[in-house]
Amino acid sequence: MNTIRFTGIQVKEGKGVPIDDTVVKEERFSLFLNGSHFTDLVASADQVEALGAGFVVCQGLSKEVNTVAVTGSEIRVRAPISGALEKEIATTGSIGVKGCPPGKVVSDLSITIDEVYGITREIVTDLWRQTGGVHCSVLFHDGAIVARSSDVGRHNTVDKVIGHAVLSRIPLGECVIGCTGRQPRDMVIKYANAGVPIVISRAATTDRGIAAADEFGITLICFSRQERFTVYTHPSRIRGL
């Protein structure tokens, strides 16, 4: 279970009332890449294999993943990595936080305005409805939502749906990601590393987020709520504009 019950006092109009509240749980995982400890992740304890696969791809450490094994709080990923990273492991016994810089996303994918609306409506999970304490992401491919995640961290939700695509051999260049979180540069870099061409967020972006999306060929849509949204970069992928 990703939730736990806590008692509290809810105050309304100056009066306190005891309540029994549902709170989301956060847990810590250690991620190992090819046998070497890479980092620790704070995350919700579901879709953990997808989290490991997606993290490695989104960090630019590898374009593919061979295997993911989860034992307790350890996530062990085997993936082909560059010679420079192999050398870093050999000389330091560990790996730095960043992988290779991303390339430009090249994709012929396009979607309609109605599909933007439809994907936006899907950016919700039962855990979000229950607790209000998680972020959500969805993966759209070939006209349908094929993966959905919720987690205490917005980065993790993206890693999980991208990891699902990697493990399921779904081509990420044909996918759209919808998410709840803000889109600064570090989030946009994750999509560029994975090769995702279109991102839809309910939340805001930043100046550097927009600059990164423009640089790396990503269609960035933010403030997507109900029947409105803002396209900041590469609008040609949205048919009907």
C-alpha atoms as a PDB file:
ATOM      1  CA  MET A   1       0.000   0.000   0.000  1.00  0.00           C
ATOM      2  CA  ASN A   2       1.175   3.525  -0.808  1.00  0.00           C
ATOM      3  CA  THR A   3      -0.925   5.181   1.874  1.00  0.00           C
ATOM      4  CA  ILE A   4      -1.189   5.239   5.647  1.00  0.00           C
ATOM      5  CA  ARG A   5      -3.803   6.627   8.036  1.00  0.00           C
ATOM      6  CA  PHE A   6      -3.029   9.527  10.366  1.00  0.00           C
ATOM      7  CA  THR A   7      -5.207  11.435  12.776  1.00  0.00           C
ATOM      8  CA  GLY A   8      -5.272  15.210  12.732  1.00  0.00           C
ATOM      9  CA  ILE A   9      -7.374  18.210  13.585  1.00  0.00           C
ATOM     10  CA  GLN A  10      -9.124  19.896  10.703  1.00  0.00           C
ATOM     11  CA  VAL A  11      -9.970  23.545  11.287  1.00  0.00           C
ATOM     12  CA  LYS A  12     -12.966  25.087   9.536  1.00  0.00           C
ATOM     13  CA  GLU A  13     -14.291  28.547  10.309  1.00  0.00           C
ATOM     14  CA  GLY A  14     -12.163  28.671  13.456  1.00  0.00           C
ATOM     15  CA  LYS A  15     -13.371  25.332  14.867  1.00  0.00           C
ATOM     16  CA  GLY A  16     -11.247  22.183  15.174  1.00  0.00           C
ATOM     17  CA  VAL A  17     -12.642  18.741  14.335  1.00  0.00           C
ATOM     18  CA  PRO A  18     -10.704  15.464  14.746  1.00  0.00           C
ATOM     19  CA  ILE A  19     -10.235  13.599  11.453  1.00  0.00           C
ATOM     20  CA  ASP A  20      -8.730  10.326  10.269  1.00  0.00           C
ATOM     21  CA  ASP A  21      -6.766  11.250   7.150  1.00  0.00           C
ATOM     22  CA  THR A  22      -5.167   9.249   4.328  1.00  0.00           C
ATOM     23  CA  VAL A  23      -1.533  10.249   3.745  1.00  0.00           C
ATOM     24  CA  VAL A  24       0.766   9.080   0.971  1.00  0.00           C
ATOM     25  CA  LYS A  25       3.877   7.096   1.988  1.00  0.00           C
ATOM     26  CA  GLU A  26       7.357   7.932   0.738  1.00  0.00           C
ATOM     27  CA  GLU A  27      10.121   5.344   0.655  1.00  0.00           C
ATOM     28  CA  ARG A  28      13.822   5.342  -0.234  1.00  0.00           C
ATOM     29  CA  PHE A  29      15.429   3.116  -2.849  1.00  0.00           C
ATOM     30  CA  SER A  30      19.080   2.580  -3.785  1.00  0.00           C
ATOM     31  CA  LEU A  31      19.655   2.378  -7.526  1.00  0.00           C
ATOM     32  CA  PHE A  32      22.596   0.353  -8.863  1.00  0.00           C
ATOM     33  CA  LEU A  33      23.747   0.550 -12.474  1.00  0.00           C
ATOM     34  CA  ASN A  34      25.740  -2.426 -13.744  1.00  0.00           C
ATOM     35  CA  GLY A  35      26.614  -3.351 -10.175  1.00  0.00           C
ATOM     36  CA  SER A  36      27.747   0.108  -9.005  1.00  0.00           C
ATOM     37  CA  HIS A  37      25.709   2.295  -6.670  1.00  0.00           C
ATOM     38  CA  PHE A  38      24.436   5.309  -8.593  1.00  0.00           C
ATOM     39  CA  THR A  39      22.048   7.225  -6.343  1.00  0.00           C
ATOM     40  CA  ASP A  40      19.232   6.998  -3.811  1.00  0.00           C
ATOM     41  CA  LEU A  41      15.673   7.789  -4.836  1.00  0.00           C
ATOM     42  CA  VAL A  42      12.750   8.909  -2.694  1.00  0.00           C
ATOM     43  CA  ALA A  43       9.646   7.466  -4.337  1.00  0.00           C
ATOM     44  CA  SER A  44       6.336   5.707  -3.923  1.00  0.00           C
ATOM     45  CA  ALA A  45       6.673   1.934  -3.798  1.00  0.00           C
ATOM     46  CA  ASP A  46       4.902   0.871  -6.973  1.00  0.00           C
ATOM     47  CA  GLN A  47       6.063   0.448 -10.587  1.00  0.00           C
ATOM     48  CA  VAL A  48       9.591   0.275  -9.163  1.00  0.00           C
ATOM     49  CA  GLU A  49      11.044  -1.677 -12.110  1.00  0.00           C
ATOM     50  CA  ALA A  50       9.721   0.976 -14.482  1.00  0.00           C
ATOM     51  CA  LEU A  51      11.165   3.670 -12.211  1.00  0.00           C
ATOM     52  CA  GLY A  52      14.630   2.131 -12.486  1.00  0.00           C
ATOM     53  CA  ALA A  53      14.479   1.718 -16.250  1.00  0.00           C
ATOM     54  CA  GLY A  54      13.065   5.175 -16.829  1.00  0.00           C
ATOM     55  CA  PHE A  55      15.564   6.854 -14.527  1.00  0.00           C
ATOM     56  CA  VAL A  56      18.539   5.415 -16.415  1.00  0.00           C
ATOM     57  CA  VAL A  57      17.132   6.513 -19.787  1.00  0.00           C
ATOM     58  CA  CYS A  58      15.948   9.942 -18.603  1.00  0.00           C
ATOM     59  CA  GLN A  59      19.332  10.712 -17.033  1.00  0.00           C
ATOM     60  CA  GLY A  60      21.002  10.100 -20.382  1.00  0.00           C
ATOM     61  CA  LEU A  61      22.961   7.129 -19.071  1.00  0.00           C
ATOM     62  CA  SER A  62      21.713   4.752 -21.760  1.00  0.00           C
ATOM     63  CA  LYS A  63      19.185   4.606 -24.581  1.00  0.00           C
ATOM     64  CA  GLU A  64      18.122   1.084 -23.624  1.00  0.00           C
ATOM     65  CA  VAL A  65      17.850  -1.194 -20.622  1.00  0.00           C
ATOM     66  CA  ASN A  66      18.666  -4.899 -20.554  1.00  0.00           C
ATOM     67  CA  THR A  67      17.218  -5.938 -17.187  1.00  0.00           C
ATOM     68  CA  VAL A  68      15.793  -4.472 -13.986  1.00  0.00           C
ATOM     69  CA  ALA A  69      15.658  -6.420 -10.723  1.00  0.00           C
ATOM     70  CA  VAL A  70      14.119  -5.127  -7.502  1.00  0.00           C
ATOM     71  CA  THR A  71      14.962  -6.709  -4.161  1.00  0.00           C
ATOM     72  CA  GLY A  72      13.659  -4.910  -1.109  1.00  0.00           C
ATOM     73  CA  SER A  73      14.858  -1.319  -1.387  1.00  0.00           C
ATOM     74  CA  GLU A  74      17.471  -2.042  -4.070  1.00  0.00           C
ATOM     75  CA  ILE A  75      16.872  -1.409  -7.783  1.00  0.00           C
ATOM     76  CA  ARG A  76      19.519  -3.087  -9.944  1.00  0.00           C
ATOM     77  CA  VAL A  77      19.621  -2.054 -13.594  1.00  0.00           C
ATOM     78  CA  ARG A  78      21.785  -3.590 -16.304  1.00  0.00           C
ATOM     79  CA  ALA A  79      22.220  -1.365 -19.358  1.00  0.00           C
ATOM     80  CA  PRO A  80      24.852  -0.582 -22.009  1.00  0.00           C
ATOM     81  CA  ILE A  81      26.614   2.647 -21.058  1.00  0.00           C
ATOM     82  CA  SER A  82      29.248   4.782 -22.733  1.00  0.00           C
ATOM     83  CA  GLY A  83      32.967   4.196 -22.458  1.00  0.00           C
ATOM     84  CA  ALA A  84      33.371   7.488 -20.585  1.00  0.00           C
ATOM     85  CA  LEU A  85      30.980   6.325 -17.877  1.00  0.00           C
ATOM     86  CA  GLU A  86      32.662   2.918 -17.717  1.00  0.00           C
ATOM     87  CA  LYS A  87      35.986   4.713 -17.207  1.00  0.00           C
ATOM     88  CA  GLU A  88      34.494   6.832 -14.426  1.00  0.00           C
ATOM     89  CA  ILE A  89      33.335   3.686 -12.650  1.00  0.00           C
ATOM     90  CA  ALA A  90      36.763   2.097 -13.023  1.00  0.00           C
ATOM     91  CA  THR A  91      38.640   5.125 -11.671  1.00  0.00           C
ATOM     92  CA  THR A  92      36.289   6.325  -8.929  1.00  0.00           C
ATOM     93  CA  GLY A  93      34.190   3.279  -8.089  1.00  0.00           C
ATOM     94  CA  SER A  94      31.020   5.312  -8.636  1.00  0.00           C
ATOM     95  CA  ILE A  95      29.123   7.238 -11.272  1.00  0.00           C
ATOM     96  CA  GLY A  96      28.410  10.951 -11.509  1.00  0.00           C
ATOM     97  CA  VAL A  97      24.858  12.235 -11.418  1.00  0.00           C
ATOM     98  CA  LYS A  98      24.593  13.212 -15.080  1.00  0.00           C
ATOM     99  CA  GLY A  99      24.933  11.150 -18.219  1.00  0.00           C
ATOM    100  CA  CYS A 100      25.530  12.233 -21.809  1.00  0.00           C
ATOM    101  CA  PRO A 101      23.990  15.468 -23.121  1.00  0.00           C
ATOM    102  CA  PRO A 102      20.755  14.888 -25.059  1.00  0.00           C
ATOM    103  CA  GLY A 103      20.374  15.213 -28.801  1.00  0.00           C
ATOM    104  CA  LYS A 104      17.528  16.874 -30.668  1.00  0.00           C
ATOM    105  CA  VAL A 105      14.242  14.965 -30.739  1.00  0.00           C
ATOM    106  CA  VAL A 106      13.239  14.130 -34.315  1.00  0.00           C
ATOM    107  CA  SER A 107       9.682  12.831 -34.736  1.00  0.00           C
ATOM    108  CA  ASP A 108       6.845  13.068 -37.247  1.00  0.00           C
ATOM    109  CA  LEU A 109       4.247  12.648 -34.493  1.00  0.00           C
ATOM    110  CA  SER A 110       1.380  15.122 -34.410  1.00  0.00           C
ATOM    111  CA  ILE A 111      -1.850  15.268 -32.416  1.00  0.00           C
ATOM    112  CA  THR A 112      -5.092  17.215 -32.609  1.00  0.00           C
ATOM    113  CA  ILE A 113      -6.376  19.892 -30.271  1.00  0.00           C
ATOM    114  CA  ASP A 114      -9.064  17.447 -29.091  1.00  0.00           C
ATOM    115  CA  GLU A 115      -6.367  14.888 -28.261  1.00  0.00           C
ATOM    116  CA  VAL A 116      -4.609  17.492 -26.101  1.00  0.00           C
ATOM    117  CA  TYR A 117      -7.891  17.987 -24.237  1.00  0.00           C
ATOM    118  CA  GLY A 118      -8.385  14.217 -23.913  1.00  0.00           C
ATOM    119  CA  ILE A 119      -4.880  13.524 -22.608  1.00  0.00           C
ATOM    120  CA  THR A 120      -5.229  16.356 -20.104  1.00  0.00           C
ATOM    121  CA  ARG A 121      -8.398  14.811 -18.690  1.00  0.00           C
ATOM    122  CA  GLU A 122      -6.513  11.542 -18.136  1.00  0.00           C
ATOM    123  CA  ILE A 123      -3.774  13.104 -15.968  1.00  0.00           C
ATOM    124  CA  VAL A 124      -5.234  11.819 -12.706  1.00  0.00           C
ATOM    125  CA  THR A 125      -4.960   8.646 -10.602  1.00  0.00           C
ATOM    126  CA  ASP A 126      -6.958   7.070  -7.804  1.00  0.00           C
ATOM    127  CA  LEU A 127      -4.094   7.787  -5.382  1.00  0.00           C
ATOM    128  CA  TRP A 128      -4.222  11.478  -6.271  1.00  0.00           C
ATOM    129  CA  ARG A 129      -7.980  11.540  -5.683  1.00  0.00           C
ATOM    130  CA  GLN A 130      -7.509   9.774  -2.354  1.00  0.00           C
ATOM    131  CA  THR A 131      -4.642  11.821  -0.935  1.00  0.00           C
ATOM    132  CA  GLY A 132      -3.946  14.936  -3.009  1.00  0.00           C
ATOM    133  CA  GLY A 133      -0.304  14.257  -2.095  1.00  0.00           C
ATOM    134  CA  VAL A 134       1.161  12.903  -5.328  1.00  0.00           C
ATOM    135  CA  HIS A 135       2.003  13.950  -8.866  1.00  0.00           C
ATOM    136  CA  CYS A 136       0.624  12.053 -11.858  1.00  0.00           C
ATOM    137  CA  SER A 137       1.851  11.256 -15.362  1.00  0.00           C
ATOM    138  CA  VAL A 138       0.340   9.387 -18.311  1.00  0.00           C
ATOM    139  CA  LEU A 139       1.836   7.944 -21.498  1.00  0.00           C
ATOM    140  CA  PHE A 140      -0.173   8.295 -24.717  1.00  0.00           C
ATOM    141  CA  HIS A 141       0.659   6.074 -27.703  1.00  0.00           C
ATOM    142  CA  ASP A 142      -1.228   5.106 -30.841  1.00  0.00           C
ATOM    143  CA  GLY A 143      -4.441   6.813 -29.762  1.00  0.00           C
ATOM    144  CA  ALA A 144      -4.639   5.470 -26.208  1.00  0.00           C
ATOM    145  CA  ILE A 145      -3.272   5.892 -22.685  1.00  0.00           C
ATOM    146  CA  VAL A 146      -0.883   2.949 -22.239  1.00  0.00           C
ATOM    147  CA  ALA A 147       0.655   3.804 -18.847  1.00  0.00           C
ATOM    148  CA  ARG A 148      -0.259   5.846 -15.805  1.00  0.00           C
ATOM    149  CA  SER A 149       1.772   6.604 -12.681  1.00  0.00           C
ATOM    150  CA  SER A 150       1.515   8.490  -9.408  1.00  0.00           C
ATOM    151  CA  ASP A 151       4.344   9.260  -7.013  1.00  0.00           C
ATOM    152  CA  VAL A 152       5.495  11.678  -4.328  1.00  0.00           C
ATOM    153  CA  GLY A 153       7.920  13.176  -6.883  1.00  0.00           C
ATOM    154  CA  ARG A 154       7.041  14.594 -10.298  1.00  0.00           C
ATOM    155  CA  HIS A 155      10.362  13.340 -11.699  1.00  0.00           C
ATOM    156  CA  ASN A 156       9.487   9.810 -10.619  1.00  0.00           C
ATOM    157  CA  THR A 157       6.123   9.792 -12.394  1.00  0.00           C
ATOM    158  CA  VAL A 158       7.820  10.669 -15.672  1.00  0.00           C
ATOM    159  CA  ASP A 159      10.540   8.058 -15.098  1.00  0.00           C
ATOM    160  CA  LYS A 160       7.873   5.430 -14.435  1.00  0.00           C
ATOM    161  CA  VAL A 161       5.852   5.975 -17.616  1.00  0.00           C
ATOM    162  CA  ILE A 162       9.016   6.256 -19.715  1.00  0.00           C
ATOM    163  CA  GLY A 163      10.338   3.121 -18.021  1.00  0.00           C
ATOM    164  CA  HIS A 164       7.103   1.340 -18.916  1.00  0.00           C
ATOM    165  CA  ALA A 165       7.680   2.261 -22.559  1.00  0.00           C
ATOM    166  CA  VAL A 166      11.311   1.101 -22.436  1.00  0.00           C
ATOM    167  CA  LEU A 167      10.443  -2.250 -20.845  1.00  0.00           C
ATOM    168  CA  SER A 168       7.451  -2.735 -23.166  1.00  0.00           C
ATOM    169  CA  ARG A 169       9.434  -1.776 -26.281  1.00  0.00           C
ATOM    170  CA  ILE A 170       7.071   1.102 -27.101  1.00  0.00           C
ATOM    171  CA  PRO A 171       8.860   3.638 -29.350  1.00  0.00           C
ATOM    172  CA  LEU A 172       9.147   6.829 -27.324  1.00  0.00           C
ATOM    173  CA  GLY A 173       9.382   8.953 -30.470  1.00  0.00           C
ATOM    174  CA  GLU A 174       5.710   8.085 -31.054  1.00  0.00           C
ATOM    175  CA  CYS A 175       4.561   8.988 -27.529  1.00  0.00           C
ATOM    176  CA  VAL A 176       3.056  11.949 -25.692  1.00  0.00           C
ATOM    177  CA  ILE A 177       3.557  12.461 -21.960  1.00  0.00           C
ATOM    178  CA  GLY A 178       0.946  14.247 -19.865  1.00  0.00           C
ATOM    179  CA  CYS A 179       1.841  15.282 -16.315  1.00  0.00           C
ATOM    180  CA  THR A 180       0.870  17.449 -13.376  1.00  0.00           C
ATOM    181  CA  GLY A 181       4.250  18.941 -12.493  1.00  0.00           C
ATOM    182  CA  ARG A 182       6.087  22.130 -13.413  1.00  0.00           C
ATOM    183  CA  GLN A 183       8.397  21.977 -16.431  1.00  0.00           C
ATOM    184  CA  PRO A 184      11.763  23.630 -15.709  1.00  0.00           C
ATOM    185  CA  ARG A 185      14.862  22.782 -17.725  1.00  0.00           C
ATOM    186  CA  ASP A 186      15.767  19.628 -15.795  1.00  0.00           C
ATOM    187  CA  MET A 187      12.362  18.103 -16.551  1.00  0.00           C
ATOM    188  CA  VAL A 188      12.603  18.960 -20.251  1.00  0.00           C
ATOM    189  CA  ILE A 189      16.066  17.371 -20.401  1.00  0.00           C
ATOM    190  CA  LYS A 190      14.497  14.087 -19.261  1.00  0.00           C
ATOM    191  CA  TYR A 191      12.144  14.060 -22.267  1.00  0.00           C
ATOM    192  CA  ALA A 192      15.002  14.955 -24.598  1.00  0.00           C
ATOM    193  CA  ASN A 193      17.115  12.062 -23.287  1.00  0.00           C
ATOM    194  CA  ALA A 194      14.185   9.698 -23.802  1.00  0.00           C
ATOM    195  CA  GLY A 195      13.247  11.101 -27.226  1.00  0.00           C
ATOM    196  CA  VAL A 196       9.668  12.121 -26.344  1.00  0.00           C
ATOM    197  CA  PRO A 197       8.432  14.760 -28.821  1.00  0.00           C
ATOM    198  CA  ILE A 198       5.309  16.176 -27.094  1.00  0.00           C
ATOM    199  CA  VAL A 199       4.764  17.055 -23.427  1.00  0.00           C
ATOM    200  CA  ILE A 200       1.505  18.283 -21.899  1.00  0.00           C
ATOM    201  CA  SER A 201       1.476  19.673 -18.364  1.00  0.00           C
ATOM    202  CA  ARG A 202      -1.284  21.048 -16.187  1.00  0.00           C
ATOM    203  CA  ALA A 203       1.321  23.296 -14.537  1.00  0.00           C
ATOM    204  CA  ALA A 204       3.707  26.076 -15.557  1.00  0.00           C
ATOM    205  CA  THR A 205       7.120  26.080 -17.196  1.00  0.00           C
ATOM    206  CA  THR A 206      10.102  28.437 -16.813  1.00  0.00           C
ATOM    207  CA  ASP A 207      12.174  30.491 -19.226  1.00  0.00           C
ATOM    208  CA  ARG A 208      14.913  27.856 -19.231  1.00  0.00           C
ATOM    209  CA  GLY A 209      12.346  25.102 -19.643  1.00  0.00           C
ATOM    210  CA  ILE A 210      11.037  26.810 -22.771  1.00  0.00           C
ATOM    211  CA  ALA A 211      14.563  27.400 -24.083  1.00  0.00           C
ATOM    212  CA  ALA A 212      15.455  23.727 -23.588  1.00  0.00           C
ATOM    213  CA  ALA A 213      12.284  22.525 -25.312  1.00  0.00           C
ATOM    214  CA  ASP A 214      12.995  24.815 -28.254  1.00  0.00           C
ATOM    215  CA  GLU A 215      16.630  23.686 -28.437  1.00  0.00           C
ATOM    216  CA  PHE A 216      15.899  19.978 -28.252  1.00  0.00           C
ATOM    217  CA  GLY A 217      12.891  19.890 -30.576  1.00  0.00           C
ATOM    218  CA  ILE A 218      10.150  19.223 -28.035  1.00  0.00           C
ATOM    219  CA  THR A 219       6.603  20.528 -28.294  1.00  0.00           C
ATOM    220  CA  LEU A 220       5.968  21.934 -24.810  1.00  0.00           C
ATOM    221  CA  ILE A 221       2.369  22.538 -23.741  1.00  0.00           C
ATOM    222  CA  CYS A 222       1.600  23.936 -20.285  1.00  0.00           C
ATOM    223  CA  PHE A 223      -1.367  25.305 -18.332  1.00  0.00           C
ATOM    224  CA  SER A 224      -3.475  22.586 -19.961  1.00  0.00           C
ATOM    225  CA  ARG A 225      -6.696  22.720 -17.981  1.00  0.00           C
ATOM    226  CA  GLN A 226     -10.232  21.994 -19.122  1.00  0.00           C
ATOM    227  CA  GLU A 227     -10.565  23.584 -22.576  1.00  0.00           C
ATOM    228  CA  ARG A 228      -7.430  25.719 -22.713  1.00  0.00           C
ATOM    229  CA  PHE A 229      -3.673  25.249 -23.035  1.00  0.00           C
ATOM    230  CA  THR A 230      -0.555  27.193 -24.036  1.00  0.00           C
ATOM    231  CA  VAL A 231       1.907  25.914 -26.650  1.00  0.00           C
ATOM    232  CA  TYR A 232       5.378  27.393 -26.109  1.00  0.00           C
ATOM    233  CA  THR A 233       7.550  25.557 -28.625  1.00  0.00           C
ATOM    234  CA  HIS A 234       7.293  23.628 -31.899  1.00  0.00           C
ATOM    235  CA  PRO A 235       3.530  24.154 -32.410  1.00  0.00           C
ATOM    236  CA  SER A 236       3.585  22.412 -35.804  1.00  0.00           C
ATOM    237  CA  ARG A 237       2.953  19.086 -34.044  1.00  0.00           C
ATOM    238  CA  ILE A 238      -0.502  20.300 -32.944  1.00  0.00           C
ATOM    239  CA  ARG A 239      -2.861  19.910 -35.892  1.00  0.00           C
ATOM    240  CA  GLY A 240      -5.474  22.626 -36.294  1.00  0.00           C
ATOM    241  CA  LEU A 241      -3.581  25.541 -34.759  1.00  0.00           C
END
